Amino acid sequence: MILKSFKNFLTFLILISSLSPVLGEEKIDIWKNKKKDITTTSNTPENSNSKKINLNNSLNSNDEETIKIEDNLSYEGEVVKVFGIYDPADFDFNLNMWSTSDAEDIRASIKRLNKIRLSKTSSEIFENIFLSFSYPPEGMSDNEFVKLKINWLIDNNKSDLIESFLKQNEEFEGKSRVIQYLVDENIAQANIKEGCEKIKFIDSKIRDPYLEKFKIYCFVFSNQKSQAQLLLDLLREQKKSDAFFDDKINFLLGISDKTTNKINEKNLLNFYLSSVTIKDFNYEPTKKTKKEIWKYLNAANLIKLEDTNDKDKLRDLERAANNGQVNAKIIFDIYKQKKFELSTLINAKNIHQTLESSDGRSLIYQKYLLSENFETKVEYLFLLEELFKKDKILNIYSKFLSDSLKEIGLENVPKNYRELAESRMLNDQEFELGKIKYNDKVLHQSKILKLYVENDSDKKIQKEIQKIFKKISKNRKYFYSAKDLALVDSLIKDGFKIPANFDYNDLSSKYSVPENLSELIEKKQNAFLTLKIIEIIGEDEPNELDAETIYFITNLLNKMNLIKIRNKILISALPQRV
């Protein structure tokens, strides 16, 4: 009897042991186990770009297709973390959006995009997908992936997005660099009051010595000395302060009446503290001066040239201005200060060639200022352009030339210079979509677009489709354009009925979609293909693209189920605007 009971107990134990792995599978952490299927979420309401996202949304799906991360990825066995700002589901993607793409392809694409001055729409789409929470591409570590994101944010001066990134990502490699960039941006603007207010956004959990030092100075700046002293004592206890910082804060707190006169260039905070504590502060930047220090010097009006005849220092300043480190206005102010004999000014057009290059530019610039009629002003403006171009520092001059020509007015520019002047006038206005004017005589400009522009109801749009097609069919001369086809393709994708007499297949056969791009859809590389589309749009807005390009872009987005991005393209590219 005892033996029988023991056998039953043993059988029970074996049964429990065999079931335990199955039970355990239900407790798998989706963030740590890479065998979990993650599917695309569609039709998710768009959320505010700055909100804290719920990543669980990215794991739900009504889509039949799934993307699976295989065992043999390069990060096998490691805990792969995800970093970003946006919920990928908000843009019809998921956490696996990059997982089927090769790391080298993504690196190359990002490198190409960094060389393009993206349009507003291109930039928005890029930000949406690149800064969404997601696993890295195949063959790339999460550390490298987050570094690519950080580099892009910093290189493009995206301070607001950096703030959002810090709020939503607690720990990541390179965090100290991001915090230091944000602090330095505030200091470099020479507006410490605003910087101290803005820095309060950072969560109290974030502990970084550079940030803590800036907070201490902010307390000093706002005359909250007791709080500054308390925070400084804590920093010292943690052995995260240093002799230079202690010396400067003690001086500012009035604990000591002396401070070192040595200028510390280790970082911008140290340089700033040097500038506000050293009497008669004087600093001469060089080629090795860090760009953030240049920026602060520029904002604080600390860049001066006491001797305008010091050609070596002027040359260094011109080089810095050409690199965007110094405000070009400073260079022109120096040019204006140079002194010339009256006879030299009178004969400037002939004499400038005999002078040293910076003196020649100064002479022609002053001659331009003294010119009284538009014809001679324009002549000297273009002569000055040649002199800047000769020394390869044209970046200093481009905006000045554009602004000066706009001030003169194209109608006042001599005819022989007019075409050249028009090409030099920079279009620095931000792209803005005008008010839509619906035109029911043209399909892609008709009230059907209210579906995408005004979110009209499906029933109302279906009636509008029947009405517009009936009206257009009466015009036997009507030609269905690629833009019309882009709209119809999207309507079909969205489940609307198109009149039977509209031969979609025949019309679409006239337009081709690049085969190499279509292949990326078959390979499930939707995110990478979207990068390709961003490259194609590039510096243009969608409404500036040719009709066939608009068609194949929207066609690809339809095939990838990227409806939100497609709608952004449609709203820009199709309507007639006032």
Protein backbone atom coordinates (compact mmCIF):
# COMPACT_ATOMS: atom_id res chain seq x y z
CA MET A 1 0.00 0.00 0.00
CA ILE A 2 2.80 2.35 0.95
CA LEU A 3 4.68 1.38 -2.22
CA LYS A 4 1.58 2.05 -4.33
CA SER A 5 1.15 5.49 -2.74
CA PHE A 6 4.80 6.32 -3.37
CA LYS A 7 4.45 5.34 -7.03
CA ASN A 8 1.42 7.59 -7.35
CA PHE A 9 3.33 10.47 -5.73
CA LEU A 10 6.31 9.91 -8.04
CA THR A 11 4.02 9.91 -11.09
CA PHE A 12 2.51 13.20 -9.88
CA LEU A 13 5.96 14.79 -9.54
CA ILE A 14 6.96 13.68 -13.04
CA LEU A 15 3.72 15.12 -14.45
CA ILE A 16 4.29 18.48 -12.73
CA SER A 17 7.89 18.60 -14.00
CA SER A 18 6.77 17.98 -17.57
CA LEU A 19 4.18 20.75 -17.39
CA SER A 20 6.39 23.41 -15.83
CA PRO A 21 8.09 24.59 -19.09
CA VAL A 22 4.68 25.05 -20.67
CA LEU A 23 3.45 27.07 -17.72
CA GLY A 24 6.64 29.10 -17.77
CA GLU A 25 6.16 30.12 -21.38
CA GLU A 26 3.14 32.16 -20.43
CA LYS A 27 5.32 34.37 -18.25
CA ILE A 28 7.88 35.28 -20.92
CA ASP A 29 8.92 38.94 -20.73
CA ILE A 30 8.34 40.35 -24.22
CA TRP A 31 11.17 42.85 -23.76
CA LYS A 32 13.76 40.15 -23.04
CA ASN A 33 12.71 37.21 -25.21
CA LYS A 34 13.24 37.78 -28.89
CA LYS A 35 11.22 34.80 -30.10
CA LYS A 36 7.94 36.52 -29.35
CA ASP A 37 5.85 37.38 -32.45
CA ILE A 38 5.11 41.10 -32.60
CA THR A 39 2.53 42.29 -35.09
CA THR A 40 1.68 45.58 -36.72
CA THR A 41 -1.00 47.70 -35.10
CA SER A 42 -3.21 49.61 -37.54
CA ASN A 43 -5.97 52.16 -37.21
CA THR A 44 -4.62 53.48 -33.93
CA PRO A 45 -5.70 57.07 -33.19
CA GLU A 46 -2.84 59.52 -33.54
CA ASN A 47 -1.51 60.83 -30.27
CA SER A 48 0.37 63.95 -29.35
CA ASN A 49 4.02 63.74 -30.34
CA SER A 50 5.15 64.79 -26.89
CA LYS A 51 3.13 62.35 -24.80
CA LYS A 52 4.42 59.40 -22.79
CA ILE A 53 3.59 56.40 -24.92
CA ASN A 54 2.13 53.04 -24.02
CA LEU A 55 4.25 50.47 -25.77
CA ASN A 56 1.70 47.72 -25.22
CA ASN A 57 -0.30 49.26 -28.07
CA SER A 58 2.48 48.16 -30.42
CA LEU A 59 1.92 44.52 -29.53
CA ASN A 60 -1.73 44.27 -30.52
CA SER A 61 -2.74 43.47 -34.06
CA ASN A 62 -5.58 42.82 -36.43
CA ASP A 63 -3.13 42.30 -39.26
CA GLU A 64 -2.65 38.78 -40.56
CA GLU A 65 1.05 39.28 -41.24
CA THR A 66 3.63 39.00 -38.49
CA ILE A 67 7.33 39.73 -38.36
CA LYS A 68 9.37 37.33 -36.29
CA ILE A 69 12.84 37.94 -34.88
CA GLU A 70 14.89 34.81 -35.42
CA ASP A 71 17.32 33.13 -33.02
CA ASN A 72 20.40 33.78 -35.15
CA LEU A 73 20.37 37.61 -34.94
CA SER A 74 23.67 39.18 -33.89
CA TYR A 75 22.28 40.18 -30.50
CA GLU A 76 21.28 36.60 -29.61
CA GLY A 77 21.53 35.94 -25.90
CA GLU A 78 21.62 39.62 -24.95
CA VAL A 79 18.86 41.75 -23.47
CA VAL A 80 18.01 44.13 -26.30
CA LYS A 81 16.51 47.42 -25.15
CA VAL A 82 14.37 49.81 -27.15
CA PHE A 83 14.75 53.58 -27.14
CA GLY A 84 12.70 56.35 -28.69
CA ILE A 85 10.04 59.00 -28.29
CA TYR A 86 7.01 57.86 -30.28
CA ASP A 87 4.79 54.80 -30.27
CA PRO A 88 5.46 53.04 -33.60
CA ALA A 89 1.77 52.10 -33.80
CA ASP A 90 0.96 55.80 -34.22
CA PHE A 91 2.56 55.56 -37.67
CA ASP A 92 1.38 52.02 -38.57
CA PHE A 93 4.63 50.35 -37.54
CA ASN A 94 5.60 48.06 -34.66
CA LEU A 95 8.60 47.29 -32.45
CA ASN A 96 10.05 45.01 -35.18
CA MET A 97 9.97 47.73 -37.85
CA TRP A 98 13.75 47.53 -38.47
CA SER A 99 14.35 43.87 -37.54
CA THR A 100 14.29 42.49 -41.10
CA SER A 101 16.62 45.21 -42.44
CA ASP A 102 20.38 44.93 -42.62
CA ALA A 103 22.37 47.22 -40.32
CA GLU A 104 24.72 48.35 -43.10
CA ASP A 105 21.78 49.43 -45.30
CA ILE A 106 20.38 51.55 -42.46
CA ARG A 107 23.78 53.11 -41.69
CA ALA A 108 24.27 54.03 -45.37
CA SER A 109 20.76 55.46 -45.69
CA ILE A 110 21.10 57.60 -42.55
CA LYS A 111 24.48 58.84 -43.79
CA ARG A 112 22.92 59.92 -47.11
CA LEU A 113 19.98 61.61 -45.39
CA ASN A 114 22.35 63.56 -43.15
CA LYS A 115 23.75 65.22 -46.28
CA ILE A 116 20.30 66.38 -47.45
CA ARG A 117 18.49 69.45 -46.19
CA LEU A 118 15.17 67.69 -45.77
CA SER A 119 11.92 69.53 -46.41
CA LYS A 120 9.44 70.00 -43.59
CA THR A 121 7.38 66.96 -44.61
CA SER A 122 10.44 64.75 -45.21
CA SER A 123 11.86 65.75 -41.84
CA GLU A 124 8.57 65.04 -40.02
CA ILE A 125 8.27 61.56 -41.54
CA PHE A 126 11.91 60.80 -40.74
CA GLU A 127 11.48 61.91 -37.12
CA ASN A 128 8.33 59.83 -36.76
CA ILE A 129 9.89 56.56 -37.86
CA PHE A 130 13.50 56.98 -36.71
CA LEU A 131 12.55 58.14 -33.22
CA SER A 132 9.86 55.50 -32.65
CA PHE A 133 10.54 52.83 -30.03
CA SER A 134 11.85 49.78 -31.90
CA TYR A 135 14.36 46.97 -31.91
CA PRO A 136 17.58 47.65 -33.87
CA PRO A 137 18.22 46.36 -37.41
CA GLU A 138 19.76 42.94 -37.88
CA GLY A 139 23.48 43.16 -37.13
CA MET A 140 23.29 46.32 -35.02
CA SER A 141 23.42 46.54 -31.22
CA ASP A 142 20.92 48.58 -29.24
CA ASN A 143 23.82 50.81 -28.10
CA GLU A 144 24.78 51.63 -31.69
CA PHE A 145 21.14 52.21 -32.62
CA VAL A 146 20.54 54.66 -29.77
CA LYS A 147 23.82 56.38 -30.64
CA LEU A 148 22.58 56.94 -34.22
CA LYS A 149 19.42 58.53 -32.82
CA ILE A 150 21.34 60.72 -30.36
CA ASN A 151 23.81 61.85 -33.02
CA TRP A 152 20.96 62.87 -35.31
CA LEU A 153 19.19 64.80 -32.55
CA ILE A 154 22.36 66.67 -31.59
CA ASP A 155 23.62 67.30 -35.13
CA ASN A 156 20.25 68.78 -36.07
CA ASN A 157 19.91 70.86 -32.88
CA LYS A 158 16.62 69.19 -31.89
CA SER A 159 16.56 70.46 -28.30
CA ASP A 160 12.82 69.92 -27.80
CA LEU A 161 13.03 66.33 -29.05
CA ILE A 162 16.09 65.75 -26.87
CA GLU A 163 14.04 66.83 -23.85
CA SER A 164 11.33 64.33 -24.82
CA PHE A 165 13.95 61.62 -25.32
CA LEU A 166 15.36 62.20 -21.83
CA LYS A 167 11.89 62.10 -20.29
CA GLN A 168 11.00 58.77 -21.89
CA ASN A 169 14.31 56.88 -21.70
CA GLU A 170 15.78 56.45 -18.23
CA GLU A 171 19.07 54.71 -18.96
CA PHE A 172 20.96 54.59 -22.24
CA GLU A 173 24.55 54.77 -23.39
CA GLY A 174 25.56 58.36 -24.11
CA LYS A 175 23.06 59.88 -21.68
CA SER A 176 25.69 62.15 -20.08
CA ARG A 177 26.56 63.52 -23.52
CA VAL A 178 22.90 64.31 -24.21
CA ILE A 179 22.47 66.09 -20.88
CA GLN A 180 25.66 68.06 -21.37
CA TYR A 181 24.49 69.09 -24.85
CA LEU A 182 21.20 70.35 -23.44
CA VAL A 183 22.90 72.28 -20.65
CA ASP A 184 25.44 73.73 -23.08
CA GLU A 185 22.68 74.84 -25.45
CA ASN A 186 21.22 76.92 -22.64
CA ILE A 187 24.57 78.38 -21.62
CA ALA A 188 25.60 79.05 -25.23
CA GLN A 189 22.57 81.32 -25.69
CA ALA A 190 23.94 83.53 -22.89
CA ASN A 191 20.50 83.54 -21.32
CA ILE A 192 21.07 81.76 -18.03
CA LYS A 193 17.72 82.73 -16.53
CA GLU A 194 15.82 80.97 -19.31
CA GLY A 195 18.25 78.07 -19.21
CA CYS A 196 17.73 77.54 -15.48
CA GLU A 197 13.95 77.56 -15.97
CA LYS A 198 14.12 75.12 -18.86
CA ILE A 199 16.43 72.67 -17.12
CA LYS A 200 13.76 71.99 -14.48
CA PHE A 201 12.02 69.66 -16.93
CA ILE A 202 14.60 66.95 -16.25
CA ASP A 203 13.28 64.25 -13.96
CA SER A 204 14.68 64.25 -10.43
CA LYS A 205 15.81 60.64 -10.98
CA ILE A 206 18.42 61.81 -13.49
CA ARG A 207 21.73 62.15 -11.68
CA ASP A 208 24.60 63.55 -13.68
CA PRO A 209 27.54 65.59 -12.26
CA TYR A 210 27.45 68.11 -15.12
CA LEU A 211 23.73 68.69 -14.67
CA GLU A 212 24.08 68.93 -10.88
CA LYS A 213 26.81 71.56 -11.27
CA PHE A 214 24.60 73.61 -13.56
CA LYS A 215 21.75 73.34 -11.04
CA ILE A 216 24.06 74.61 -8.31
CA TYR A 217 25.02 77.62 -10.42
CA CYS A 218 21.32 78.26 -11.15
CA PHE A 219 20.69 78.49 -7.38
CA VAL A 220 23.58 80.96 -7.12
CA PHE A 221 22.26 82.92 -10.10
CA SER A 222 18.81 83.23 -8.52
CA ASN A 223 20.36 84.20 -5.15
CA GLN A 224 19.28 80.96 -3.45
CA LYS A 225 22.65 80.52 -1.83
CA SER A 226 21.62 78.13 0.94
CA GLN A 227 20.20 75.66 -1.61
CA ALA A 228 23.35 76.03 -3.71
CA GLN A 229 25.54 75.31 -0.68
CA LEU A 230 23.48 72.24 0.28
CA LEU A 231 23.63 70.77 -3.21
CA LEU A 232 27.36 71.51 -3.45
CA ASP A 233 28.01 69.71 -0.14
CA LEU A 234 26.11 66.66 -1.42
CA LEU A 235 28.12 66.71 -4.66
CA ARG A 236 31.37 66.88 -2.68
CA GLU A 237 30.30 63.97 -0.45
CA GLN A 238 29.70 61.91 -3.58
CA LYS A 239 33.16 62.99 -4.82
CA LYS A 240 31.62 64.33 -8.03
CA SER A 241 32.80 67.91 -7.71
CA ASP A 242 36.31 69.20 -8.55
CA ALA A 243 38.75 71.89 -7.42
CA PHE A 244 37.94 74.33 -10.24
CA PHE A 245 34.18 74.20 -9.69
CA ASP A 246 34.56 74.45 -5.89
CA ASP A 247 36.78 77.50 -6.30
CA LYS A 248 34.31 79.29 -8.60
CA ILE A 249 31.20 78.55 -6.52
CA ASN A 250 32.96 79.52 -3.27
CA PHE A 251 33.87 82.82 -4.90
CA LEU A 252 30.32 83.40 -6.17
CA LEU A 253 28.85 82.47 -2.78
CA GLY A 254 31.18 84.96 -1.09
CA ILE A 255 32.94 82.26 0.93
CA SER A 256 36.26 83.33 -0.61
CA ASP A 257 37.26 86.69 -2.07
CA LYS A 258 39.79 85.31 -4.56
CA THR A 259 39.49 82.99 -7.54
CA THR A 260 41.84 81.64 -10.15
CA ASN A 261 42.28 83.79 -13.26
CA LYS A 262 43.02 80.74 -15.37
CA ILE A 263 40.47 80.20 -18.16
CA ASN A 264 39.20 76.62 -18.11
CA GLU A 265 38.12 75.28 -21.52
CA LYS A 266 37.46 71.70 -20.48
CA ASN A 267 33.74 72.21 -21.04
CA LEU A 268 31.36 75.12 -21.65
CA LEU A 269 30.19 75.37 -18.03
CA ASN A 270 33.79 75.81 -16.85
CA PHE A 271 34.43 78.35 -19.60
CA TYR A 272 31.27 80.26 -18.69
CA LEU A 273 32.24 80.32 -14.99
CA SER A 274 35.64 81.65 -16.02
CA SER A 275 34.03 84.44 -18.04
CA VAL A 276 31.76 85.62 -15.20
CA THR A 277 34.36 85.48 -12.42
CA ILE A 278 37.51 86.86 -14.06
CA LYS A 279 37.80 90.64 -14.07
CA ASP A 280 38.44 92.12 -17.54
CA PHE A 281 37.91 88.70 -19.09
CA ASN A 282 39.72 88.46 -22.41
CA TYR A 283 39.86 85.35 -24.57
CA GLU A 284 41.20 84.84 -28.06
CA PRO A 285 39.64 81.84 -29.81
CA THR A 286 41.73 79.64 -32.08
CA LYS A 287 41.17 76.84 -34.59
CA LYS A 288 41.03 74.38 -31.68
CA THR A 289 38.30 76.28 -29.81
CA LYS A 290 35.22 74.09 -29.31
CA LYS A 291 32.12 75.05 -31.31
CA GLU A 292 29.99 75.45 -28.15
CA ILE A 293 32.51 77.98 -26.81
CA TRP A 294 32.38 79.85 -30.13
CA LYS A 295 28.60 79.91 -29.86
CA TYR A 296 28.71 81.35 -26.34
CA LEU A 297 31.31 83.97 -27.29
CA ASN A 298 29.10 84.97 -30.18
CA ALA A 299 25.91 85.23 -28.08
CA ALA A 300 27.64 87.08 -25.23
CA ASN A 301 29.30 89.60 -27.58
CA LEU A 302 32.73 88.52 -26.39
CA ILE A 303 34.24 88.31 -29.88
CA LYS A 304 36.20 91.45 -30.56
CA LEU A 305 39.13 92.48 -32.70
CA GLU A 306 40.89 95.36 -30.99
CA ASP A 307 43.30 95.84 -33.88
CA THR A 308 41.50 95.67 -37.23
CA ASN A 309 44.89 95.50 -38.95
CA ASP A 310 45.69 92.15 -37.28
CA LYS A 311 45.19 90.09 -40.42
CA ASP A 312 45.94 86.72 -38.81
CA LYS A 313 43.22 87.14 -36.18
CA LEU A 314 40.78 88.50 -38.75
CA ARG A 315 41.48 85.48 -40.95
CA ASP A 316 40.70 83.16 -38.01
CA LEU A 317 37.44 85.00 -37.39
CA GLU A 318 36.49 84.83 -41.08
CA ARG A 319 37.16 81.10 -41.08
CA ALA A 320 35.03 80.66 -37.96
CA ALA A 321 32.21 82.71 -39.48
CA ASN A 322 32.33 80.60 -42.62
CA ASN A 323 31.94 77.50 -40.43
CA GLY A 324 28.94 79.03 -38.69
CA GLN A 325 30.74 79.55 -35.37
CA VAL A 326 30.68 83.35 -35.51
CA ASN A 327 27.88 85.67 -36.57
CA ALA A 328 28.72 87.02 -40.02
CA LYS A 329 27.61 90.48 -38.86
CA ILE A 330 30.77 90.67 -36.71
CA ILE A 331 32.91 90.29 -39.84
CA PHE A 332 31.09 93.06 -41.68
CA ASP A 333 31.37 95.33 -38.61
CA ILE A 334 35.15 94.81 -38.67
CA TYR A 335 35.26 95.55 -42.41
CA LYS A 336 33.41 98.81 -41.75
CA GLN A 337 35.93 99.86 -39.10
CA LYS A 338 38.95 99.63 -41.39
CA LYS A 339 40.28 103.03 -42.43
CA PHE A 340 41.09 103.94 -46.05
CA GLU A 341 42.26 107.14 -47.72
CA LEU A 342 39.60 109.01 -49.69
CA SER A 343 41.54 108.50 -52.92
CA THR A 344 41.59 104.73 -52.24
CA LEU A 345 37.82 104.68 -51.76
CA ILE A 346 37.27 106.66 -54.97
CA ASN A 347 39.36 104.21 -57.00
CA ALA A 348 38.22 101.07 -55.08
CA LYS A 349 37.28 99.09 -58.20
CA ASN A 350 40.88 99.21 -59.49
CA ILE A 351 42.84 99.34 -56.23
CA HIS A 352 41.17 96.43 -54.38
CA GLN A 353 43.11 93.90 -56.48
CA THR A 354 46.43 95.22 -55.14
CA LEU A 355 45.41 94.84 -51.48
CA GLU A 356 45.56 91.85 -49.15
CA SER A 357 42.34 89.79 -49.52
CA SER A 358 40.59 90.91 -46.29
CA ASP A 359 41.52 94.54 -46.99
CA GLY A 360 40.15 94.18 -50.53
CA ARG A 361 36.83 92.86 -49.20
CA SER A 362 36.70 95.66 -46.61
CA LEU A 363 37.29 98.29 -49.29
CA ILE A 364 34.61 96.97 -51.66
CA TYR A 365 32.15 96.54 -48.76
CA GLN A 366 32.62 100.18 -47.74
CA LYS A 367 32.28 101.24 -51.39
CA TYR A 368 28.96 99.34 -51.54
CA LEU A 369 27.73 101.16 -48.42
CA LEU A 370 28.66 104.51 -49.93
CA SER A 371 27.01 103.84 -53.31
CA GLU A 372 23.91 105.93 -53.90
CA ASN A 373 22.16 104.19 -56.81
CA PHE A 374 20.90 100.64 -57.29
CA GLU A 375 23.04 99.92 -60.34
CA THR A 376 26.39 100.53 -58.59
CA LYS A 377 25.18 98.83 -55.39
CA VAL A 378 24.34 95.65 -57.33
CA GLU A 379 27.66 95.83 -59.19
CA TYR A 380 29.65 95.99 -55.95
CA LEU A 381 27.53 93.26 -54.33
CA PHE A 382 28.49 90.79 -57.06
CA LEU A 383 32.12 91.94 -57.08
CA LEU A 384 32.20 91.29 -53.33
CA GLU A 385 30.74 87.82 -53.94
CA GLU A 386 33.69 86.99 -56.20
CA LEU A 387 36.14 88.07 -53.50
CA PHE A 388 34.52 85.84 -50.88
CA LYS A 389 34.38 82.96 -53.34
CA LYS A 390 38.08 83.38 -54.16
CA ASP A 391 39.07 82.72 -50.53
CA LYS A 392 36.48 79.92 -50.18
CA ILE A 393 34.51 81.68 -47.43
CA LEU A 394 31.30 82.27 -49.37
CA ASN A 395 29.13 81.02 -46.47
CA ILE A 396 29.79 84.34 -44.71
CA TYR A 397 28.34 86.26 -47.61
CA SER A 398 25.41 84.26 -49.04
CA LYS A 399 22.73 85.48 -46.63
CA PHE A 400 24.04 89.07 -46.69
CA LEU A 401 23.88 89.05 -50.50
CA SER A 402 20.35 87.61 -50.49
CA ASP A 403 19.08 90.10 -47.89
CA SER A 404 20.70 93.04 -49.70
CA LEU A 405 19.16 92.07 -53.06
CA LYS A 406 15.72 91.65 -51.45
CA GLU A 407 16.09 95.10 -49.89
CA ILE A 408 16.95 96.61 -53.29
CA GLY A 409 14.08 94.72 -54.93
CA LEU A 410 14.31 92.56 -58.03
CA GLU A 411 12.50 95.20 -60.07
CA ASN A 412 15.32 97.69 -59.29
CA VAL A 413 18.13 95.30 -60.27
CA PRO A 414 19.66 96.11 -63.72
CA LYS A 415 18.44 93.69 -66.41
CA ASN A 416 21.89 92.24 -67.04
CA TYR A 417 22.06 91.17 -63.36
CA ARG A 418 18.40 90.22 -62.84
CA GLU A 419 18.62 86.48 -63.57
CA LEU A 420 21.77 86.16 -61.46
CA ALA A 421 20.18 88.16 -58.63
CA GLU A 422 17.09 85.95 -58.65
CA SER A 423 19.23 82.83 -58.26
CA ARG A 424 21.02 84.38 -55.23
CA MET A 425 17.86 85.37 -53.36
CA LEU A 426 17.42 82.63 -50.78
CA ASN A 427 13.97 81.31 -50.02
CA ASP A 428 14.19 81.16 -46.23
CA GLN A 429 10.45 81.14 -45.56
CA GLU A 430 9.10 78.04 -43.86
CA PHE A 431 6.83 75.97 -46.05
CA GLU A 432 3.18 76.56 -45.27
CA LEU A 433 0.20 74.92 -46.94
CA GLY A 434 -2.35 77.40 -48.22
CA LYS A 435 -6.12 77.17 -47.92
CA ILE A 436 -7.65 74.38 -50.02
CA LYS A 437 -9.89 75.28 -52.94
CA TYR A 438 -11.89 72.24 -54.06
CA ASN A 439 -12.38 71.83 -57.80
CA ASP A 440 -14.86 69.12 -58.81
CA LYS A 441 -13.79 69.33 -62.45
CA VAL A 442 -10.48 67.64 -61.54
CA LEU A 443 -10.66 64.32 -59.68
CA HIS A 444 -7.63 64.76 -57.44
CA GLN A 445 -8.73 68.31 -56.50
CA SER A 446 -12.38 67.43 -55.83
CA LYS A 447 -14.41 67.27 -52.61
CA ILE A 448 -13.48 63.60 -52.34
CA LEU A 449 -10.31 64.90 -50.67
CA LYS A 450 -12.40 65.93 -47.67
CA LEU A 451 -11.97 62.32 -46.53
CA TYR A 452 -8.28 63.02 -45.87
CA VAL A 453 -8.33 66.74 -45.18
CA GLU A 454 -11.47 67.10 -43.06
CA ASN A 455 -12.11 63.47 -41.99
CA ASP A 456 -15.56 63.44 -43.59
CA SER A 457 -17.75 60.37 -42.99
CA ASP A 458 -17.37 57.34 -45.24
CA LYS A 459 -21.03 57.45 -46.36
CA LYS A 460 -20.75 61.09 -47.38
CA ILE A 461 -17.52 60.45 -49.31
CA GLN A 462 -18.97 57.39 -51.08
CA LYS A 463 -21.81 59.60 -52.37
CA GLU A 464 -19.27 62.23 -53.39
CA ILE A 465 -17.28 59.60 -55.32
CA GLN A 466 -20.34 58.61 -57.37
CA LYS A 467 -21.22 62.26 -57.99
CA ILE A 468 -17.71 63.40 -59.05
CA PHE A 469 -17.03 60.38 -61.30
CA LYS A 470 -20.40 60.87 -63.00
CA LYS A 471 -19.62 64.55 -63.61
CA ILE A 472 -16.13 63.86 -64.97
CA SER A 473 -17.31 61.01 -67.23
CA LYS A 474 -19.44 63.53 -69.13
CA ASN A 475 -16.25 65.29 -70.20
CA ARG A 476 -14.98 63.07 -73.02
CA LYS A 477 -11.75 65.06 -73.22
CA TYR A 478 -10.89 64.46 -69.56
CA PHE A 479 -7.48 62.85 -69.02
CA TYR A 480 -6.93 60.82 -65.86
CA SER A 481 -3.56 61.89 -64.49
CA ALA A 482 -1.13 60.06 -62.22
CA LYS A 483 -2.39 62.24 -59.36
CA ASP A 484 -5.94 61.06 -60.06
CA LEU A 485 -4.67 57.49 -59.96
CA ALA A 486 -2.92 58.13 -56.63
CA LEU A 487 -6.25 59.22 -55.17
CA VAL A 488 -8.19 56.27 -56.66
CA ASP A 489 -5.53 53.80 -55.49
CA SER A 490 -5.90 55.17 -51.95
CA LEU A 491 -9.72 55.08 -52.08
CA ILE A 492 -9.64 51.43 -53.14
CA LYS A 493 -7.19 50.69 -50.33
CA ASP A 494 -9.56 52.36 -47.87
CA GLY A 495 -12.47 50.17 -48.98
CA PHE A 496 -14.46 52.57 -51.17
CA LYS A 497 -16.32 51.45 -54.31
CA ILE A 498 -15.12 52.93 -57.58
CA PRO A 499 -17.54 53.07 -60.58
CA ALA A 500 -17.29 50.00 -62.81
CA ASN A 501 -16.57 52.09 -65.92
CA PHE A 502 -13.31 53.31 -64.38
CA ASP A 503 -10.65 50.89 -65.64
CA TYR A 504 -8.08 51.10 -62.85
CA ASN A 505 -5.91 48.24 -64.13
CA ASP A 506 -5.58 49.74 -67.60
CA LEU A 507 -4.67 53.19 -66.25
CA SER A 508 -2.22 51.89 -63.64
CA SER A 509 -0.38 49.82 -66.28
CA LYS A 510 0.81 53.10 -67.81
CA TYR A 511 2.82 53.90 -64.70
CA SER A 512 5.59 51.81 -63.23
CA VAL A 513 6.70 51.46 -59.63
CA PRO A 514 10.51 51.00 -59.29
CA GLU A 515 11.16 47.26 -59.01
CA ASN A 516 13.95 47.61 -56.43
CA LEU A 517 11.53 49.41 -54.09
CA SER A 518 8.76 46.85 -54.57
CA GLU A 519 11.19 44.08 -53.63
CA LEU A 520 11.67 45.69 -50.20
CA ILE A 521 7.95 45.21 -49.50
CA GLU A 522 8.27 41.50 -50.29
CA LYS A 523 11.18 41.35 -47.84
CA LYS A 524 9.07 43.03 -45.11
CA GLN A 525 11.48 45.99 -44.96
CA ASN A 526 8.81 48.65 -44.58
CA ALA A 527 10.78 51.04 -42.36
CA PHE A 528 13.84 50.87 -44.61
CA LEU A 529 11.65 51.46 -47.68
CA THR A 530 10.18 54.52 -45.94
CA LEU A 531 13.73 55.86 -45.55
CA LYS A 532 14.13 55.39 -49.31
CA ILE A 533 10.91 57.35 -49.88
CA ILE A 534 12.21 60.14 -47.64
CA GLU A 535 15.36 60.27 -49.78
CA ILE A 536 13.21 60.54 -52.92
CA ILE A 537 11.15 63.42 -51.48
CA GLY A 538 14.34 64.96 -50.07
CA GLU A 539 14.44 68.75 -50.08
CA ASP A 540 11.07 69.06 -51.85
CA GLU A 541 7.59 69.16 -50.44
CA PRO A 542 5.25 66.46 -51.87
CA ASN A 543 3.30 69.10 -53.84
CA GLU A 544 6.54 69.96 -55.69
CA LEU A 545 7.06 66.40 -56.95
CA ASP A 546 6.00 65.28 -60.42
CA ALA A 547 2.69 63.41 -60.69
CA GLU A 548 4.21 60.00 -61.48
CA THR A 549 6.49 60.15 -58.42
CA ILE A 550 3.51 61.03 -56.22
CA TYR A 551 1.66 58.00 -57.62
CA PHE A 552 4.37 55.43 -57.03
CA ILE A 553 5.13 56.79 -53.53
CA THR A 554 1.48 56.56 -52.44
CA ASN A 555 1.17 53.17 -54.17
CA LEU A 556 4.10 51.82 -52.15
CA LEU A 557 2.71 53.26 -48.92
CA ASN A 558 -0.65 51.62 -49.64
CA LYS A 559 1.01 48.26 -50.18
CA MET A 560 2.87 48.65 -46.87
CA ASN A 561 -0.32 49.67 -45.01
CA LEU A 562 1.38 52.91 -43.95
CA ILE A 563 -1.85 54.87 -44.13
CA LYS A 564 -0.96 57.79 -41.83
CA ILE A 565 2.21 58.61 -43.77
CA ARG A 566 0.34 58.18 -47.05
CA ASN A 567 -2.33 60.64 -45.92
CA LYS A 568 0.35 63.20 -45.09
CA ILE A 569 1.64 62.90 -48.68
CA LEU A 570 -1.87 63.08 -50.19
CA ILE A 571 -2.86 66.18 -48.22
CA SER A 572 0.25 68.01 -49.40
CA ALA A 573 0.44 66.75 -53.00
CA LEU A 574 -3.12 66.65 -54.35
CA PRO A 575 -5.29 69.62 -53.36
CA GLN A 576 -5.43 72.93 -55.19
CA ARG A 577 -4.47 75.65 -52.72
CA VAL A 578 -4.89 79.40 -52.54
